[in-house]
């Protein structure tokens, strides 16, 4: 299993699942914030990152991502975020 994608850690070595989900959600948030002017690139990197998270762990990361984006002042619709397919 990969521990990083495009230089972004997947935190596979973190045993605390809540902390792991938070870290992953924060990474996805940071990716989008770092690419505000190029939303296509930010979206692509964030989606690529999310797809590397195991399906059974993905929803927790998405929930953390949505919470972190809300803290940054963004309002996301849950159906707009790709889930555990």
C-alpha atoms as a PDB file:
ATOM      1  CA  UNK A   1       0.000   0.000   0.000  1.00  0.00           C
ATOM      2  CA  UNK A   2       1.236   3.471  -0.869  1.00  0.00           C
ATOM      3  CA  UNK A   3       2.055   5.908   1.917  1.00  0.00           C
ATOM      4  CA  UNK A   4       2.035   8.958  -0.347  1.00  0.00           C
ATOM      5  CA  UNK A   5       0.707  10.176  -3.665  1.00  0.00           C
ATOM      6  CA  UNK A   6       2.189  13.129  -5.549  1.00  0.00           C
ATOM      7  CA  UNK A   7       4.203  13.976  -2.427  1.00  0.00           C
ATOM      8  CA  UNK A   8       1.150  14.054  -0.140  1.00  0.00           C
ATOM      9  CA  UNK A   9       1.169  11.595   2.762  1.00  0.00           C
ATOM     10  CA  UNK A  10      -1.690   9.105   3.007  1.00  0.00           C
ATOM     11  CA  UNK A  11      -0.908   8.578   6.706  1.00  0.00           C
ATOM     12  CA  UNK A  12      -1.081   4.792   6.407  1.00  0.00           C
ATOM     13  CA  UNK A  13       1.371   4.586   9.306  1.00  0.00           C
ATOM     14  CA  UNK A  14      -1.013   6.430  11.663  1.00  0.00           C
ATOM     15  CA  UNK A  15      -2.831   3.912  13.840  1.00  0.00           C
ATOM     16  CA  UNK A  16      -5.387   6.323  15.321  1.00  0.00           C
ATOM     17  CA  UNK A  17      -8.162   6.190  12.693  1.00  0.00           C
ATOM     18  CA  UNK A  18      -9.735   9.504  13.756  1.00  0.00           C
ATOM     19  CA  UNK A  19      -6.384  11.284  13.467  1.00  0.00           C
ATOM     20  CA  UNK A  20      -5.701   9.546  10.171  1.00  0.00           C
ATOM     21  CA  UNK A  21      -9.056  10.725   8.760  1.00  0.00           C
ATOM     22  CA  UNK A  22      -8.469  14.269  10.019  1.00  0.00           C
ATOM     23  CA  UNK A  23      -5.001  14.389   8.462  1.00  0.00           C
ATOM     24  CA  UNK A  24      -6.307  13.122   5.127  1.00  0.00           C
ATOM     25  CA  UNK A  25      -9.174  15.615   5.164  1.00  0.00           C
ATOM     26  CA  UNK A  26      -6.753  18.428   5.938  1.00  0.00           C
ATOM     27  CA  UNK A  27      -4.444  17.387   3.088  1.00  0.00           C
ATOM     28  CA  UNK A  28      -7.346  17.483   0.612  1.00  0.00           C
ATOM     29  CA  UNK A  29      -8.341  20.898   1.978  1.00  0.00           C
ATOM     30  CA  UNK A  30      -4.782  22.189   1.655  1.00  0.00           C
ATOM     31  CA  UNK A  31      -4.545  20.910  -1.918  1.00  0.00           C
ATOM     32  CA  UNK A  32      -7.655  22.859  -2.915  1.00  0.00           C
ATOM     33  CA  UNK A  33      -6.591  25.978  -1.011  1.00  0.00           C
ATOM     34  CA  UNK A  34      -3.144  25.870  -2.607  1.00  0.00           C
ATOM     35  CA  UNK A  35      -4.710  25.710  -6.077  1.00  0.00           C
ATOM     36  CA  UNK A  36      -7.493  28.293  -5.731  1.00  0.00           C
ATOM     37  CA  UNK A  37      -6.479  29.951  -8.988  1.00  0.00           C
ATOM     38  CA  UNK A  38      -6.290  26.642 -10.849  1.00  0.00           C
ATOM     39  CA  UNK A  39      -9.319  24.784  -9.568  1.00  0.00           C
ATOM     40  CA  UNK A  40      -9.051  22.086 -12.234  1.00  0.00           C
ATOM     41  CA  UNK A  41      -5.571  21.126 -11.033  1.00  0.00           C
ATOM     42  CA  UNK A  42      -6.624  21.297  -7.381  1.00  0.00           C
ATOM     43  CA  UNK A  43      -9.679  19.167  -8.077  1.00  0.00           C
ATOM     44  CA  UNK A  44      -7.627  16.629 -10.005  1.00  0.00           C
ATOM     45  CA  UNK A  45      -4.956  16.363  -7.294  1.00  0.00           C
ATOM     46  CA  UNK A  46      -7.556  16.127  -4.534  1.00  0.00           C
ATOM     47  CA  UNK A  47      -9.551  13.459  -6.379  1.00  0.00           C
ATOM     48  CA  UNK A  48      -6.390  11.501  -7.198  1.00  0.00           C
ATOM     49  CA  UNK A  49      -5.424  11.650  -3.522  1.00  0.00           C
ATOM     50  CA  UNK A  50      -8.883  10.574  -2.346  1.00  0.00           C
ATOM     51  CA  UNK A  51      -8.962   7.612  -4.742  1.00  0.00           C
ATOM     52  CA  UNK A  52      -5.809   6.232  -3.067  1.00  0.00           C
ATOM     53  CA  UNK A  53      -7.527   6.088   0.331  1.00  0.00           C
ATOM     54  CA  UNK A  54      -8.920   2.592   0.932  1.00  0.00           C
ATOM     55  CA  UNK A  55     -12.673   2.510   0.246  1.00  0.00           C
ATOM     56  CA  UNK A  56     -13.496   1.455   3.810  1.00  0.00           C
ATOM     57  CA  UNK A  57     -11.621   4.515   5.157  1.00  0.00           C
ATOM     58  CA  UNK A  58     -12.684   7.020   2.503  1.00  0.00           C
ATOM     59  CA  UNK A  59     -15.943   8.280   4.028  1.00  0.00           C
ATOM     60  CA  UNK A  60     -14.245   9.297   7.269  1.00  0.00           C
ATOM     61  CA  UNK A  61     -11.682  11.278   5.238  1.00  0.00           C
ATOM     62  CA  UNK A  62     -14.457  12.914   3.188  1.00  0.00           C
ATOM     63  CA  UNK A  63     -16.302  13.899   6.359  1.00  0.00           C
ATOM     64  CA  UNK A  64     -13.093  15.408   7.769  1.00  0.00           C
ATOM     65  CA  UNK A  65     -12.480  17.210   4.457  1.00  0.00           C
ATOM     66  CA  UNK A  66     -15.962  18.703   4.503  1.00  0.00           C
ATOM     67  CA  UNK A  67     -15.517  19.848   8.115  1.00  0.00           C
ATOM     68  CA  UNK A  68     -12.149  21.439   7.309  1.00  0.00           C
ATOM     69  CA  UNK A  69     -13.524  23.188   4.212  1.00  0.00           C
ATOM     70  CA  UNK A  70     -16.391  24.552   6.332  1.00  0.00           C
ATOM     71  CA  UNK A  71     -13.833  25.957   8.804  1.00  0.00           C
ATOM     72  CA  UNK A  72     -12.214  27.701   5.832  1.00  0.00           C
ATOM     73  CA  UNK A  73     -15.564  29.273   4.916  1.00  0.00           C
ATOM     74  CA  UNK A  74     -16.588  26.971   2.065  1.00  0.00           C
ATOM     75  CA  UNK A  75     -19.987  25.343   1.876  1.00  0.00           C
ATOM     76  CA  UNK A  76     -19.961  21.936   0.203  1.00  0.00           C
ATOM     77  CA  UNK A  77     -22.901  19.766  -0.725  1.00  0.00           C
ATOM     78  CA  UNK A  78     -22.332  16.191   0.400  1.00  0.00           C
ATOM     79  CA  UNK A  79     -23.576  14.839  -2.930  1.00  0.00           C
ATOM     80  CA  UNK A  80     -20.902  16.907  -4.714  1.00  0.00           C
ATOM     81  CA  UNK A  81     -18.092  15.019  -2.970  1.00  0.00           C
ATOM     82  CA  UNK A  82     -17.300  11.634  -4.500  1.00  0.00           C
ATOM     83  CA  UNK A  83     -17.667   8.902  -1.911  1.00  0.00           C
ATOM     84  CA  UNK A  84     -16.763   5.264  -1.477  1.00  0.00           C
ATOM     85  CA  UNK A  85     -17.464   3.847  -4.914  1.00  0.00           C
END
